[in-house]
């Protein structure tokens, strides 16, 4: 017989307490009875005795089908995972000499990322002697913020790290109008 993982509740003969508070399979409170008596009641109904509140005094046990209980727990976990969303961090790289058409294309990508609910990191990277003109990089980043306007908010102001200048944008949460 293999032992169940520690995250599973104790079941049947693995319950260590001498007395337990028992809840029947129909949800009715049976009361505080010896564990051996509770096990006998569960076996008569063809079900399991499952410890649902081990820290209570005395521990609370329920008569139920343990396999079905585990299946329902797994389904709840899957449903919770399905409803949760992960926010990604997308990055767009630009240079101080980026042409207008390329800038507009990258701006369109940033807008799409933000509409999908992802955060976007805009990076201006300098090569060679371009590092002398950090003001051009700052102008590009401020222009991105101005062009996005109502779509994004600045989460992290532009800052220089080595040969790169970065800024973090987050999507604005659109409020739905209240019904009149």
C-alpha atoms as a PDB file:
ATOM      1  CA  UNK A   1       0.000   0.000   0.000  1.00  0.00           C
ATOM      2  CA  UNK A   2       1.458   3.382  -1.031  1.00  0.00           C
ATOM      3  CA  UNK A   3       1.005   6.421   1.185  1.00  0.00           C
ATOM      4  CA  UNK A   4      -0.855   9.409  -0.180  1.00  0.00           C
ATOM      5  CA  UNK A   5       0.903  12.774  -0.507  1.00  0.00           C
ATOM      6  CA  UNK A   6       0.862  14.945   2.608  1.00  0.00           C
ATOM      7  CA  UNK A   7      -1.466  17.480   0.959  1.00  0.00           C
ATOM      8  CA  UNK A   8      -4.313  14.919   0.872  1.00  0.00           C
ATOM      9  CA  UNK A   9      -6.551  14.737   3.932  1.00  0.00           C
ATOM     10  CA  UNK A  10      -6.228  11.644   6.124  1.00  0.00           C
ATOM     11  CA  UNK A  11      -8.684   8.913   5.296  1.00  0.00           C
ATOM     12  CA  UNK A  12     -10.050   5.799   7.105  1.00  0.00           C
ATOM     13  CA  UNK A  13      -7.333   4.003   9.145  1.00  0.00           C
ATOM     14  CA  UNK A  14      -4.841   6.872   8.720  1.00  0.00           C
ATOM     15  CA  UNK A  15      -6.898   9.065  11.111  1.00  0.00           C
ATOM     16  CA  UNK A  16      -4.939   9.178  14.388  1.00  0.00           C
ATOM     17  CA  UNK A  17      -7.392  10.825  16.793  1.00  0.00           C
ATOM     18  CA  UNK A  18      -9.226   8.699  19.366  1.00  0.00           C
ATOM     19  CA  UNK A  19     -12.492  10.628  19.048  1.00  0.00           C
ATOM     20  CA  UNK A  20     -13.809  12.581  16.068  1.00  0.00           C
ATOM     21  CA  UNK A  21     -16.771  14.827  15.310  1.00  0.00           C
ATOM     22  CA  UNK A  22     -18.634  13.058  12.493  1.00  0.00           C
ATOM     23  CA  UNK A  23     -20.738  14.529   9.703  1.00  0.00           C
ATOM     24  CA  UNK A  24     -22.845  11.956   7.842  1.00  0.00           C
ATOM     25  CA  UNK A  25     -22.913  11.642   4.043  1.00  0.00           C
ATOM     26  CA  UNK A  26     -26.197  13.583   3.907  1.00  0.00           C
ATOM     27  CA  UNK A  27     -24.606  16.538   5.798  1.00  0.00           C
ATOM     28  CA  UNK A  28     -26.234  15.771   9.154  1.00  0.00           C
ATOM     29  CA  UNK A  29     -24.156  16.122  12.349  1.00  0.00           C
ATOM     30  CA  UNK A  30     -23.739  12.732  14.066  1.00  0.00           C
ATOM     31  CA  UNK A  31     -21.737  14.067  17.013  1.00  0.00           C
ATOM     32  CA  UNK A  32     -18.482  13.176  18.779  1.00  0.00           C
ATOM     33  CA  UNK A  33     -17.860   9.426  18.662  1.00  0.00           C
ATOM     34  CA  UNK A  34     -14.833   7.109  18.844  1.00  0.00           C
ATOM     35  CA  UNK A  35     -12.892   6.785  15.564  1.00  0.00           C
ATOM     36  CA  UNK A  36     -13.459   3.016  15.395  1.00  0.00           C
ATOM     37  CA  UNK A  37     -17.247   3.564  15.583  1.00  0.00           C
ATOM     38  CA  UNK A  38     -17.080   6.256  12.860  1.00  0.00           C
ATOM     39  CA  UNK A  39     -15.048   3.896  10.634  1.00  0.00           C
ATOM     40  CA  UNK A  40     -17.617   1.148  11.122  1.00  0.00           C
ATOM     41  CA  UNK A  41     -20.433   3.551  10.147  1.00  0.00           C
ATOM     42  CA  UNK A  42     -18.577   4.573   6.977  1.00  0.00           C
ATOM     43  CA  UNK A  43     -17.862   0.949   5.993  1.00  0.00           C
ATOM     44  CA  UNK A  44     -21.520  -0.010   6.469  1.00  0.00           C
ATOM     45  CA  UNK A  45     -22.468   2.647   3.890  1.00  0.00           C
ATOM     46  CA  UNK A  46     -19.625   1.623   1.558  1.00  0.00           C
ATOM     47  CA  UNK A  47     -17.956   5.022   1.908  1.00  0.00           C
ATOM     48  CA  UNK A  48     -14.784   6.483   3.438  1.00  0.00           C
ATOM     49  CA  UNK A  49     -14.182   8.458   6.620  1.00  0.00           C
ATOM     50  CA  UNK A  50     -12.278  11.604   5.586  1.00  0.00           C
ATOM     51  CA  UNK A  51     -10.692  14.087   7.987  1.00  0.00           C
ATOM     52  CA  UNK A  52     -11.836  17.518   6.742  1.00  0.00           C
ATOM     53  CA  UNK A  53     -10.688  19.708   9.679  1.00  0.00           C
ATOM     54  CA  UNK A  54      -7.654  18.052  11.322  1.00  0.00           C
ATOM     55  CA  UNK A  55      -6.811  21.077  13.519  1.00  0.00           C
ATOM     56  CA  UNK A  56     -10.203  21.249  15.226  1.00  0.00           C
ATOM     57  CA  UNK A  57     -10.665  19.838  18.726  1.00  0.00           C
ATOM     58  CA  UNK A  58     -11.735  17.030  18.214  1.00  0.00           C
ATOM     59  CA  UNK A  59     -10.926  16.648  14.471  1.00  0.00           C
ATOM     60  CA  UNK A  60     -13.936  16.868  12.129  1.00  0.00           C
ATOM     61  CA  UNK A  61     -14.481  13.897   9.819  1.00  0.00           C
ATOM     62  CA  UNK A  62     -17.015  13.421   7.078  1.00  0.00           C
ATOM     63  CA  UNK A  63     -18.419  10.210   5.638  1.00  0.00           C
ATOM     64  CA  UNK A  64     -18.026  10.493   1.855  1.00  0.00           C
ATOM     65  CA  UNK A  65     -16.616   8.874  -1.281  1.00  0.00           C
ATOM     66  CA  UNK A  66     -12.924   9.841  -1.088  1.00  0.00           C
ATOM     67  CA  UNK A  67     -12.224   9.196  -4.787  1.00  0.00           C
ATOM     68  CA  UNK A  68     -15.076  11.461  -5.829  1.00  0.00           C
ATOM     69  CA  UNK A  69     -13.905  14.109  -3.322  1.00  0.00           C
ATOM     70  CA  UNK A  70     -10.373  14.105  -4.792  1.00  0.00           C
ATOM     71  CA  UNK A  71     -11.806  14.330  -8.319  1.00  0.00           C
ATOM     72  CA  UNK A  72     -13.905  17.387  -7.382  1.00  0.00           C
ATOM     73  CA  UNK A  73     -10.894  19.048  -5.730  1.00  0.00           C
ATOM     74  CA  UNK A  74      -8.862  18.505  -8.906  1.00  0.00           C
ATOM     75  CA  UNK A  75     -11.650  20.001 -11.058  1.00  0.00           C
ATOM     76  CA  UNK A  76     -11.843  23.089  -8.794  1.00  0.00           C
ATOM     77  CA  UNK A  77      -8.080  23.559  -9.087  1.00  0.00           C
ATOM     78  CA  UNK A  78      -8.234  23.296 -12.902  1.00  0.00           C
ATOM     79  CA  UNK A  79     -11.101  25.800 -13.046  1.00  0.00           C
ATOM     80  CA  UNK A  80      -9.187  28.267 -10.866  1.00  0.00           C
ATOM     81  CA  UNK A  81      -6.111  27.880 -13.074  1.00  0.00           C
ATOM     82  CA  UNK A  82      -8.212  28.460 -16.189  1.00  0.00           C
ATOM     83  CA  UNK A  83      -9.681  31.696 -14.816  1.00  0.00           C
ATOM     84  CA  UNK A  84      -6.334  33.139 -13.733  1.00  0.00           C
ATOM     85  CA  UNK A  85      -4.463  35.301 -16.233  1.00  0.00           C
ATOM     86  CA  UNK A  86      -0.745  35.792 -16.482  1.00  0.00           C
ATOM     87  CA  UNK A  87       0.520  39.249 -17.355  1.00  0.00           C
ATOM     88  CA  UNK A  88       3.522  39.061 -19.632  1.00  0.00           C
ATOM     89  CA  UNK A  89       6.249  41.625 -20.113  1.00  0.00           C
ATOM     90  CA  UNK A  90       6.827  42.305 -23.802  1.00  0.00           C
ATOM     91  CA  UNK A  91       9.818  44.296 -25.035  1.00  0.00           C
ATOM     92  CA  UNK A  92      10.178  46.604 -28.034  1.00  0.00           C
ATOM     93  CA  UNK A  93      13.636  47.821 -29.052  1.00  0.00           C
ATOM     94  CA  UNK A  94      14.194  51.114 -30.830  1.00  0.00           C
ATOM     95  CA  UNK A  95      17.292  53.080 -31.895  1.00  0.00           C
ATOM     96  CA  UNK A  96      17.749  56.853 -31.916  1.00  0.00           C
ATOM     97  CA  UNK A  97      17.900  56.757 -35.733  1.00  0.00           C
ATOM     98  CA  UNK A  98      14.695  54.706 -36.187  1.00  0.00           C
ATOM     99  CA  UNK A  99      12.754  56.004 -39.221  1.00  0.00           C
ATOM    100  CA  UNK A 100       9.146  57.183 -39.071  1.00  0.00           C
ATOM    101  CA  UNK A 101       7.599  54.088 -40.707  1.00  0.00           C
ATOM    102  CA  UNK A 102       9.511  51.708 -38.435  1.00  0.00           C
ATOM    103  CA  UNK A 103       8.523  53.825 -35.430  1.00  0.00           C
ATOM    104  CA  UNK A 104       4.836  53.634 -36.398  1.00  0.00           C
ATOM    105  CA  UNK A 105       5.071  49.831 -36.812  1.00  0.00           C
ATOM    106  CA  UNK A 106       6.652  49.432 -33.390  1.00  0.00           C
ATOM    107  CA  UNK A 107       4.046  51.774 -31.895  1.00  0.00           C
ATOM    108  CA  UNK A 108       1.321  49.554 -33.373  1.00  0.00           C
ATOM    109  CA  UNK A 109       2.935  46.503 -31.713  1.00  0.00           C
ATOM    110  CA  UNK A 110       3.116  48.298 -28.352  1.00  0.00           C
ATOM    111  CA  UNK A 111      -0.561  49.289 -28.635  1.00  0.00           C
ATOM    112  CA  UNK A 112      -1.527  45.673 -29.429  1.00  0.00           C
ATOM    113  CA  UNK A 113       0.470  44.326 -26.448  1.00  0.00           C
ATOM    114  CA  UNK A 114      -1.212  46.807 -24.109  1.00  0.00           C
ATOM    115  CA  UNK A 115      -4.697  46.023 -25.441  1.00  0.00           C
ATOM    116  CA  UNK A 116      -4.046  42.328 -24.777  1.00  0.00           C
ATOM    117  CA  UNK A 117      -3.337  43.281 -21.154  1.00  0.00           C
ATOM    118  CA  UNK A 118       0.445  42.778 -21.197  1.00  0.00           C
ATOM    119  CA  UNK A 119       3.002  45.231 -19.884  1.00  0.00           C
ATOM    120  CA  UNK A 120       5.514  46.590 -22.390  1.00  0.00           C
ATOM    121  CA  UNK A 121       9.142  47.565 -21.919  1.00  0.00           C
ATOM    122  CA  UNK A 122      10.358  50.103 -24.471  1.00  0.00           C
ATOM    123  CA  UNK A 123      14.138  50.052 -24.883  1.00  0.00           C
ATOM    124  CA  UNK A 124      16.228  52.569 -26.804  1.00  0.00           C
ATOM    125  CA  UNK A 125      19.664  51.133 -27.379  1.00  0.00           C
ATOM    126  CA  UNK A 126      22.641  53.206 -28.431  1.00  0.00           C
ATOM    127  CA  UNK A 127      25.510  51.978 -30.601  1.00  0.00           C
ATOM    128  CA  UNK A 128      28.931  53.535 -30.868  1.00  0.00           C
ATOM    129  CA  UNK A 129      28.928  57.307 -30.558  1.00  0.00           C
ATOM    130  CA  UNK A 130      25.124  57.512 -30.350  1.00  0.00           C
ATOM    131  CA  UNK A 131      25.481  57.306 -26.549  1.00  0.00           C
ATOM    132  CA  UNK A 132      26.473  60.987 -26.594  1.00  0.00           C
ATOM    133  CA  UNK A 133      22.927  61.899 -27.733  1.00  0.00           C
ATOM    134  CA  UNK A 134      20.882  60.478 -24.863  1.00  0.00           C
ATOM    135  CA  UNK A 135      18.443  63.346 -25.339  1.00  0.00           C
ATOM    136  CA  UNK A 136      17.299  61.774 -28.647  1.00  0.00           C
ATOM    137  CA  UNK A 137      16.448  58.550 -26.845  1.00  0.00           C
ATOM    138  CA  UNK A 138      14.500  60.498 -24.241  1.00  0.00           C
ATOM    139  CA  UNK A 139      12.606  62.322 -27.002  1.00  0.00           C
ATOM    140  CA  UNK A 140      11.608  58.978 -28.580  1.00  0.00           C
ATOM    141  CA  UNK A 141      10.355  57.590 -25.245  1.00  0.00           C
ATOM    142  CA  UNK A 142       8.341  60.744 -24.497  1.00  0.00           C
ATOM    143  CA  UNK A 143       6.903  60.588 -28.017  1.00  0.00           C
ATOM    144  CA  UNK A 144       5.789  56.973 -27.428  1.00  0.00           C
ATOM    145  CA  UNK A 145       3.973  58.045 -24.245  1.00  0.00           C
ATOM    146  CA  UNK A 146       2.337  60.982 -26.044  1.00  0.00           C
ATOM    147  CA  UNK A 147       1.255  58.809 -29.007  1.00  0.00           C
ATOM    148  CA  UNK A 148      -0.237  56.119 -26.743  1.00  0.00           C
ATOM    149  CA  UNK A 149      -1.984  58.686 -24.526  1.00  0.00           C
ATOM    150  CA  UNK A 150      -5.216  56.995 -23.372  1.00  0.00           C
ATOM    151  CA  UNK A 151      -3.965  53.436 -23.937  1.00  0.00           C
ATOM    152  CA  UNK A 152      -1.082  53.287 -21.455  1.00  0.00           C
ATOM    153  CA  UNK A 153       0.371  54.693 -18.284  1.00  0.00           C
ATOM    154  CA  UNK A 154       4.063  54.950 -17.441  1.00  0.00           C
ATOM    155  CA  UNK A 155       4.869  52.378 -14.783  1.00  0.00           C
ATOM    156  CA  UNK A 156       8.591  53.138 -14.689  1.00  0.00           C
ATOM    157  CA  UNK A 157      10.048  56.443 -15.885  1.00  0.00           C
ATOM    158  CA  UNK A 158      12.848  56.357 -18.501  1.00  0.00           C
ATOM    159  CA  UNK A 159      16.200  55.470 -17.031  1.00  0.00           C
ATOM    160  CA  UNK A 160      19.620  54.757 -18.476  1.00  0.00           C
ATOM    161  CA  UNK A 161      21.439  51.497 -17.834  1.00  0.00           C
ATOM    162  CA  UNK A 162      24.732  51.306 -19.686  1.00  0.00           C
ATOM    163  CA  UNK A 163      24.055  51.706 -23.418  1.00  0.00           C
ATOM    164  CA  UNK A 164      20.294  51.278 -23.025  1.00  0.00           C
ATOM    165  CA  UNK A 165      17.478  53.563 -21.935  1.00  0.00           C
ATOM    166  CA  UNK A 166      14.339  51.756 -20.752  1.00  0.00           C
ATOM    167  CA  UNK A 167      10.795  52.685 -19.806  1.00  0.00           C
ATOM    168  CA  UNK A 168       7.976  50.430 -18.599  1.00  0.00           C
ATOM    169  CA  UNK A 169       4.385  50.887 -19.793  1.00  0.00           C
ATOM    170  CA  UNK A 170       1.279  49.283 -18.304  1.00  0.00           C
ATOM    171  CA  UNK A 171      -2.215  49.113 -19.818  1.00  0.00           C
ATOM    172  CA  UNK A 172      -4.862  51.431 -18.431  1.00  0.00           C
ATOM    173  CA  UNK A 173      -7.808  49.625 -16.889  1.00  0.00           C
ATOM    174  CA  UNK A 174     -10.868  50.795 -18.785  1.00  0.00           C
ATOM    175  CA  UNK A 175     -13.787  51.428 -16.470  1.00  0.00           C
ATOM    176  CA  UNK A 176     -17.170  50.321 -17.751  1.00  0.00           C
ATOM    177  CA  UNK A 177     -19.867  52.987 -17.360  1.00  0.00           C
ATOM    178  CA  UNK A 178     -22.464  52.290 -14.692  1.00  0.00           C
ATOM    179  CA  UNK A 179     -25.959  51.510 -15.993  1.00  0.00           C
ATOM    180  CA  UNK A 180     -28.281  54.511 -15.864  1.00  0.00           C
END
